Every structure is written in C-alpha cells, then in structure tokens.
C-alpha cells in the first residue's frame, strides 16, 4: 500500500512547485496549505516501489530530500476539458485539467493500473458509476485529490446559471453554441491566462457538438490572450478533441466534475451517484462551490459566473 503523500515526491515539487504564474518545475510558488484538501490517506495499487518515500515527506513535502528532486521545467501543458449538466440543471459547468508534459505518461499509466485493479469499467465517468465495494470511481477521486495536493495537475471549473442566458443569440444550435462559447471562456481566462506566457498548450476537449467549433477558434484565442494577458500569439500548439472512451485523462476529469456539478445544483441523487457525490464532498470538505476562489488560484479554481442583467448572451 502506498501513502498518498508519495504523490508529492513523484511530482517533484514542494507543494505546488509552481511559481505564481504557473511555471511547473521552476521553484517557489504555492504551498499545499493553499489547497482546500484534507490530510492525505492511503490508497492501494499505485507504483508500490515508491512506498519507501512516503514516511520521509511532510504533508507539504518540504523536506531537504524533496528539494533535490525537482523536475526540469515543463515545455508543454496539456489542457483537458469537458462540460456537465448543460441540458436540464440550473447550473451548467465546464471544467479543465492542466497537466505538465513530464507528468502525463505516468499519470495515464497510474489510471489504467487503477482501472485494471478494480476490474473496470472501461470508461470511468460520473454517469457510469454503479454501487460496488471496490470502486474505480472512488479510487479516481482519491487520485484526483492526491494529484492536486502534489501539484501533478491543476483543476478549474466554471459554473454558469444557464437559465439566465438567451441561447438564441449564441447561434443556430442555441444551448450547444452557448456551451461551446463557455469552453472558449474557460480556455481564454484560465488555460491561456495561467499558462500561455510560459508554455505551449495542447488542448484536448471531449469530442462532441459542444467542442467541435473550438478547433477553428485558435486565432481568436491567440488574439484575445495576447491583448488581455500578454500571452504569446502562438501559445496554442493545437486543439484536438478526443474520445473519452479512449482518453483516460478525460475520465479523471469527468468523475469529480460531474459530482461537483451535481452538488452545485443540489441535485436529488440516489444510489451510487449519491454515494459518489458524498465521497467527493468528504474529500474536499472546505470547498464552497457557491463561492468563486481567487482569480489567481491556479491549483484549484472555482469560477461562478454572475450575469449583470436578467438576460444576456454568453460573451457578456
């Protein structure tokens, strides 16, 4: 059994290991105390040969040993994004998971190992959860929390009161076009704002009608990113929608995003979804989804959109 604090050592960072504007591996930055995450607890099935490191690290990971284990600076940040509850709920969400290039392969391997050890399912997502004692979904939640605490990746979520938008002005697809523009806002004001000055971005949305239009928006994202945040005009290397059945990083995003969105909507849940939502809430007991975090909170960012008028379009 491996202690979750091992994730800190594996990330090669002290807490966030991220300088104030998100430079992975450059030193300085945000400590673990900035995260609304409780004390780590053990989970099984993660690279057992690293277990010996767990006892040497504090919760923040600020040991002399760790200071010699820093990763080299990242060159590329992968940004995985998806949406939840854009059909019926009051609050719709879009969420993003930012991963530095040197962490990606190891995280993907860990997630597949978790799924194999739990016997599936083939696609571990919020909507696929079933009541079972040995749950891959709960193991994903544990891994998600540990990865945030370690600085392995960052999580951003944007909630919007969907009923307060006039979807007709978004485009002919109405709600789908509104959702697409919400993805655009997330990419501009979180992915590009946080990482566009220092890294190349490879953006990986879950494929579908809501994200297909993003591929043609790179030039506009570059223009607005340079104007608003001084980012490079070529910071986005590409936008490639991916099938979540094959992309396990989108599954890692989907499980907490679905649970957070259900909790934000105070949805009446039963059975396995109620159990999973409660598990996520217990993992992040100090998170208040009704309140936005500070705009510069990169590691765990909650953004609640508050329309200024009774009806307006998503660009407002």
Protein backbone atom coordinates (compact mmCIF):
# COMPACT_ATOMS: atom_id res chain seq x y z
CA UNK A 1 0.00 0.00 0.00
CA UNK A 2 1.29 3.46 -0.90
CA UNK A 3 0.63 6.59 1.09
CA UNK A 4 -0.91 9.43 -0.89
CA UNK A 5 1.86 11.76 0.22
CA UNK A 6 4.10 9.77 -2.14
CA UNK A 7 2.40 11.69 -4.92
CA UNK A 8 4.22 14.80 -3.68
CA UNK A 9 7.59 13.17 -4.19
CA UNK A 10 6.61 11.84 -7.60
CA UNK A 11 5.54 15.24 -8.79
CA UNK A 12 9.00 16.56 -7.95
CA UNK A 13 7.64 19.74 -6.39
CA UNK A 14 7.32 21.33 -2.98
CA UNK A 15 3.55 21.56 -2.60
CA UNK A 16 2.64 23.36 -5.77
CA UNK A 17 6.20 23.60 -7.06
CA UNK A 18 4.57 26.20 -9.26
CA UNK A 19 5.68 29.80 -9.39
CA UNK A 20 2.91 32.34 -9.02
CA UNK A 21 2.06 32.34 -12.70
CA UNK A 22 2.12 28.57 -13.01
CA UNK A 23 5.67 27.66 -14.04
CA UNK A 24 5.97 23.96 -13.20
CA UNK A 25 9.43 22.97 -12.02
CA UNK A 26 10.79 26.50 -11.62
CA UNK A 27 10.62 26.56 -7.82
CA UNK A 28 8.76 28.84 -5.44
CA UNK A 29 5.02 29.27 -5.66
CA UNK A 30 2.01 27.92 -3.84
CA UNK A 31 2.21 25.62 -0.82
CA UNK A 32 -0.10 22.74 -0.07
CA UNK A 33 -1.81 24.89 2.56
CA UNK A 34 -3.39 26.89 -0.26
CA UNK A 35 -5.43 23.85 -1.28
CA UNK A 36 -8.81 23.07 0.33
CA UNK A 37 -7.77 19.42 0.76
CA UNK A 38 -7.75 17.34 3.98
CA UNK A 39 -4.89 15.25 5.30
CA UNK A 40 -3.84 12.53 2.87
CA UNK A 41 -4.89 8.94 3.43
CA UNK A 42 -3.61 5.64 1.98
CA UNK A 43 -4.89 4.20 -1.28
CA UNK A 44 -3.73 0.96 -2.91
CA UNK A 45 -2.42 -0.05 -6.33
CA UNK A 46 -0.06 2.84 -7.10
CA UNK A 47 3.55 2.06 -8.06
CA UNK A 48 4.49 0.06 -4.93
CA UNK A 49 8.25 0.53 -5.33
CA UNK A 50 7.81 4.17 -4.28
CA UNK A 51 6.23 3.34 -0.94
CA UNK A 52 9.50 3.86 0.93
CA UNK A 53 9.41 7.60 0.19
CA UNK A 54 6.14 8.21 1.99
CA UNK A 55 7.48 8.31 5.55
CA UNK A 56 10.15 10.91 4.74
CA UNK A 57 7.78 13.61 3.49
CA UNK A 58 5.64 16.08 5.34
CA UNK A 59 2.17 16.96 4.04
CA UNK A 60 3.67 19.93 2.20
CA UNK A 61 6.61 17.82 1.03
CA UNK A 62 9.09 20.48 2.21
CA UNK A 63 11.93 18.11 3.05
CA UNK A 64 15.59 18.52 2.19
CA UNK A 65 15.29 15.36 0.11
CA UNK A 66 12.46 16.76 -1.95
CA UNK A 67 14.32 19.95 -2.74
CA UNK A 68 16.82 17.85 -4.70
CA UNK A 69 14.10 16.03 -6.63
CA UNK A 70 12.67 18.90 -8.69
CA UNK A 71 11.64 18.16 -12.23
CA UNK A 72 13.04 20.19 -15.11
CA UNK A 73 10.74 22.93 -16.33
CA UNK A 74 7.82 21.83 -18.44
CA UNK A 75 7.66 22.87 -22.08
CA UNK A 76 4.07 21.87 -22.85
CA UNK A 77 0.88 21.92 -20.79
CA UNK A 78 -1.92 19.59 -21.81
CA UNK A 79 -5.36 21.01 -21.06
CA UNK A 80 -8.24 18.52 -20.94
CA UNK A 81 -11.74 20.00 -20.82
CA UNK A 82 -15.35 18.84 -20.67
CA UNK A 83 -18.82 20.05 -19.72
CA UNK A 84 -21.52 18.80 -17.40
CA UNK A 85 -25.28 19.38 -17.00
CA UNK A 86 -25.98 21.64 -19.96
CA UNK A 87 -29.44 20.17 -20.61
CA UNK A 88 -31.69 20.39 -17.55
CA UNK A 89 -29.95 21.71 -14.41
CA UNK A 90 -29.88 25.29 -13.20
CA UNK A 91 -26.09 25.47 -13.23
CA UNK A 92 -24.06 24.17 -16.11
CA UNK A 93 -20.31 23.65 -15.80
CA UNK A 94 -17.22 23.45 -17.94
CA UNK A 95 -14.06 22.11 -16.35
CA UNK A 96 -10.41 21.86 -17.21
CA UNK A 97 -7.47 19.74 -16.07
CA UNK A 98 -3.99 21.18 -16.75
CA UNK A 99 -1.12 18.68 -16.82
CA UNK A 100 2.59 19.44 -17.47
CA UNK A 101 4.14 17.29 -20.17
CA UNK A 102 6.56 15.38 -17.92
CA UNK A 103 3.71 14.12 -15.69
CA UNK A 104 1.29 12.94 -18.36
CA UNK A 105 2.59 9.46 -19.25
CA UNK A 106 3.00 8.46 -15.61
CA UNK A 107 -0.50 9.65 -14.68
CA UNK A 108 -2.06 7.82 -17.62
CA UNK A 109 -0.26 4.62 -16.61
CA UNK A 110 -1.41 5.02 -13.00
CA UNK A 111 -5.04 5.50 -14.04
CA UNK A 112 -5.03 2.43 -16.26
CA UNK A 113 -3.47 0.46 -13.40
CA UNK A 114 -6.26 1.61 -11.08
CA UNK A 115 -8.94 0.59 -13.59
CA UNK A 116 -7.32 -2.80 -14.15
CA UNK A 117 -7.03 -3.45 -10.42
CA UNK A 118 -10.71 -2.59 -9.91
CA UNK A 119 -11.95 -4.65 -12.85
CA UNK A 120 -13.19 -1.68 -14.89
CA UNK A 121 -15.39 -0.13 -16.05
CA UNK A 122 -13.86 0.51 -19.47
CA UNK A 123 -14.96 4.15 -19.23
CA UNK A 124 -14.83 5.51 -15.69
CA UNK A 125 -17.17 8.51 -15.75
CA UNK A 126 -19.76 10.14 -13.50
CA UNK A 127 -22.65 8.66 -15.47
CA UNK A 128 -21.21 5.14 -15.40
CA UNK A 129 -20.95 4.79 -11.62
CA UNK A 130 -22.52 1.71 -10.03
CA UNK A 131 -22.70 0.56 -6.45
CA UNK A 132 -19.75 -1.71 -5.78
CA UNK A 133 -17.40 -2.23 -2.88
CA UNK A 134 -14.17 -1.86 -4.88
CA UNK A 135 -14.92 1.27 -6.90
CA UNK A 136 -12.67 2.66 -9.63
CA UNK A 137 -14.66 5.91 -9.38
CA UNK A 138 -13.72 6.41 -5.73
CA UNK A 139 -10.12 5.47 -6.50
CA UNK A 140 -10.14 8.16 -9.21
CA UNK A 141 -11.39 10.68 -6.64
CA UNK A 142 -8.54 9.71 -4.30
CA UNK A 143 -6.05 10.03 -7.14
CA UNK A 144 -7.54 13.38 -8.20
CA UNK A 145 -7.23 14.80 -4.70
CA UNK A 146 -3.69 13.48 -4.29
CA UNK A 147 -2.61 14.84 -7.66
CA UNK A 148 -3.90 18.30 -6.79
CA UNK A 149 -2.15 18.26 -3.45
CA UNK A 150 1.08 17.14 -5.11
CA UNK A 151 0.94 19.72 -7.90
CA UNK A 152 0.74 16.98 -10.54
CA UNK A 153 -2.09 18.86 -12.26
CA UNK A 154 -4.46 21.79 -11.75
CA UNK A 155 -8.27 21.82 -11.84
CA UNK A 156 -10.55 24.65 -12.96
CA UNK A 157 -14.35 24.72 -13.08
CA UNK A 158 -16.70 27.41 -14.37
CA UNK A 159 -20.35 27.38 -13.27
CA UNK A 160 -22.99 29.41 -15.10
CA UNK A 161 -26.73 29.85 -14.40
CA UNK A 162 -27.88 28.51 -17.75
CA UNK A 163 -31.47 29.68 -17.41
CA UNK A 164 -30.28 33.30 -17.35
CA UNK A 165 -28.77 33.16 -20.83
CA UNK A 166 -30.62 33.93 -24.03
CA UNK A 167 -29.37 30.95 -26.02
CA UNK A 168 -30.89 32.23 -29.26
CA UNK A 169 -28.18 34.86 -29.58
CA UNK A 170 -25.41 32.24 -29.23
CA UNK A 171 -26.05 30.71 -32.64
CA UNK A 172 -28.32 28.32 -34.53
CA UNK A 173 -27.57 25.43 -32.15
CA UNK A 174 -28.60 27.59 -29.19
CA UNK A 175 -27.69 25.72 -25.97
CA UNK A 176 -24.90 23.82 -27.73
CA UNK A 177 -23.44 27.08 -29.06
CA UNK A 178 -23.68 28.64 -25.60
CA UNK A 179 -21.78 25.68 -24.18
CA UNK A 180 -19.14 25.99 -26.91
CA UNK A 181 -18.62 29.65 -26.01
CA UNK A 182 -18.32 28.73 -22.34
CA UNK A 183 -15.49 26.39 -23.30
CA UNK A 184 -13.92 29.32 -25.15
CA UNK A 185 -14.15 31.45 -22.00
CA UNK A 186 -12.56 28.72 -19.88
CA UNK A 187 -9.68 28.33 -22.34
CA UNK A 188 -9.10 32.07 -22.59
CA UNK A 189 -9.45 33.11 -18.96
CA UNK A 190 -7.94 30.04 -17.32
CA UNK A 191 -5.78 27.94 -19.69
CA UNK A 192 -4.26 30.82 -21.64
CA UNK A 193 -4.21 33.27 -18.74
CA UNK A 194 -2.40 30.85 -16.44
CA UNK A 195 -0.07 29.09 -18.87
CA UNK A 196 0.06 30.98 -22.18
CA UNK A 197 3.08 33.11 -21.26
CA UNK A 198 5.37 30.24 -20.39
CA UNK A 199 4.24 27.10 -22.23
CA UNK A 200 2.86 25.66 -25.40
CA UNK A 201 -0.71 24.46 -24.91
CA UNK A 202 -2.11 21.25 -26.32
CA UNK A 203 -5.84 21.41 -25.69
CA UNK A 204 -7.82 18.16 -25.54
CA UNK A 205 -11.59 18.69 -25.22
CA UNK A 206 -14.01 15.79 -25.01
CA UNK A 207 -15.30 15.49 -28.57
CA UNK A 208 -18.87 16.38 -29.47
CA UNK A 209 -21.05 19.16 -30.81
CA UNK A 210 -20.15 21.50 -27.94
CA UNK A 211 -16.40 21.39 -28.60
CA UNK A 212 -16.07 20.80 -32.35
CA UNK A 213 -16.10 24.55 -33.08
CA UNK A 214 -13.11 25.21 -30.81
CA UNK A 215 -10.69 23.90 -33.41
CA UNK A 216 -11.44 26.95 -35.57
CA UNK A 217 -11.05 29.43 -32.69
CA UNK A 218 -7.29 29.22 -32.15
CA UNK A 219 -6.55 32.51 -33.89
CA UNK A 220 -9.19 34.35 -31.86
CA UNK A 221 -7.92 32.80 -28.63
CA UNK A 222 -4.39 33.92 -29.50
CA UNK A 223 -5.54 37.46 -30.26
CA UNK A 224 -7.56 37.84 -27.08
CA UNK A 225 -4.91 36.10 -24.98
CA UNK A 226 -2.23 38.49 -26.22
CA UNK A 227 -4.47 41.52 -25.71
CA UNK A 228 -5.78 40.60 -22.26
CA UNK A 229 -2.89 38.71 -20.71
CA UNK A 230 0.22 39.42 -22.78
CA UNK A 231 0.47 35.80 -23.93
CA UNK A 232 2.33 34.64 -26.99
CA UNK A 233 0.47 34.71 -30.31
CA UNK A 234 1.35 31.06 -30.87
CA UNK A 235 0.89 29.63 -27.36
CA UNK A 236 -1.74 27.10 -28.52
CA UNK A 237 0.03 24.37 -30.43
CA UNK A 238 -3.20 22.59 -31.31
CA UNK A 239 -6.76 21.78 -30.22
CA UNK A 240 -7.63 18.12 -30.75
CA UNK A 241 -10.97 16.78 -29.45
CA UNK A 242 -10.63 13.29 -28.01
CA UNK A 243 -12.98 10.38 -27.38
CA UNK A 244 -13.31 9.97 -23.62
CA UNK A 245 -13.70 6.21 -24.06
CA UNK A 246 -10.04 6.13 -25.10
CA UNK A 247 -8.70 9.16 -23.22
CA UNK A 248 -8.39 8.29 -19.55
CA UNK A 249 -7.44 11.86 -18.57
CA UNK A 250 -10.91 12.99 -19.63
CA UNK A 251 -12.32 10.27 -17.38
CA UNK A 252 -10.26 11.56 -14.45
CA UNK A 253 -11.77 15.00 -15.10
CA UNK A 254 -15.32 13.75 -15.63
CA UNK A 255 -15.77 11.97 -12.29
CA UNK A 256 -15.16 14.96 -9.96
CA UNK A 257 -16.63 17.45 -12.45
CA UNK A 258 -19.89 15.51 -12.58
CA UNK A 259 -20.01 15.23 -8.80
CA UNK A 260 -19.16 18.90 -8.20
CA UNK A 261 -21.84 19.96 -10.69
CA UNK A 262 -24.47 17.74 -9.06
CA UNK A 263 -23.55 19.23 -5.68
CA UNK A 264 -23.63 22.77 -7.07
CA UNK A 265 -27.15 22.11 -8.34
CA UNK A 266 -28.16 20.48 -5.05
CA UNK A 267 -29.46 17.67 -7.20
CA UNK A 268 -31.60 14.98 -5.59
CA UNK A 269 -29.42 11.91 -6.05
CA UNK A 270 -29.99 8.30 -5.12
CA UNK A 271 -27.92 5.12 -5.07
CA UNK A 272 -24.39 5.08 -6.48
CA UNK A 273 -24.38 8.73 -7.59
CA UNK A 274 -25.46 9.89 -4.11
CA UNK A 275 -22.68 7.81 -2.60
CA UNK A 276 -20.06 9.12 -5.04
CA UNK A 277 -21.15 12.75 -4.63
CA UNK A 278 -20.90 12.40 -0.85
CA UNK A 279 -17.46 10.82 -1.24
CA UNK A 280 -16.26 13.79 -3.33
CA UNK A 281 -17.73 16.25 -0.84
CA UNK A 282 -15.95 14.47 2.01
CA UNK A 283 -12.69 14.61 0.05
CA UNK A 284 -13.00 18.41 -0.27
CA UNK A 285 -14.82 19.43 2.91
CA UNK A 286 -13.82 23.09 2.87
CA UNK A 287 -14.78 23.76 -0.75
CA UNK A 288 -17.82 26.02 -1.14
CA UNK A 289 -18.92 25.65 -4.75
CA UNK A 290 -21.22 28.67 -4.47
CA UNK A 291 -18.23 30.95 -3.97
CA UNK A 292 -15.54 31.71 -6.52
CA UNK A 293 -11.95 31.21 -5.49
CA UNK A 294 -9.40 33.97 -6.02
CA UNK A 295 -8.87 34.60 -9.72
CA UNK A 296 -5.19 33.63 -9.48
CA UNK A 297 -5.82 30.35 -7.64
CA UNK A 298 -4.40 28.04 -10.27
CA UNK A 299 -4.27 24.71 -8.49
CA UNK A 300 -7.98 24.54 -7.64
CA UNK A 301 -10.09 27.27 -9.23
CA UNK A 302 -13.85 27.70 -8.89
CA UNK A 303 -15.41 30.40 -11.08
CA UNK A 304 -19.09 31.27 -10.66
CA UNK A 305 -20.38 33.46 -13.45
CA UNK A 306 -22.79 36.17 -12.30
CA UNK A 307 -24.69 37.79 -15.19
CA UNK A 308 -25.09 41.53 -14.74
CA UNK A 309 -28.58 41.62 -16.25
CA UNK A 310 -31.65 39.38 -16.31
CA UNK A 311 -30.98 38.05 -19.82
CA UNK A 312 -27.77 38.24 -21.75
CA UNK A 313 -25.53 36.31 -24.09
CA UNK A 314 -22.55 34.21 -23.00
CA UNK A 315 -19.97 36.74 -24.21
CA UNK A 316 -21.19 39.44 -21.83
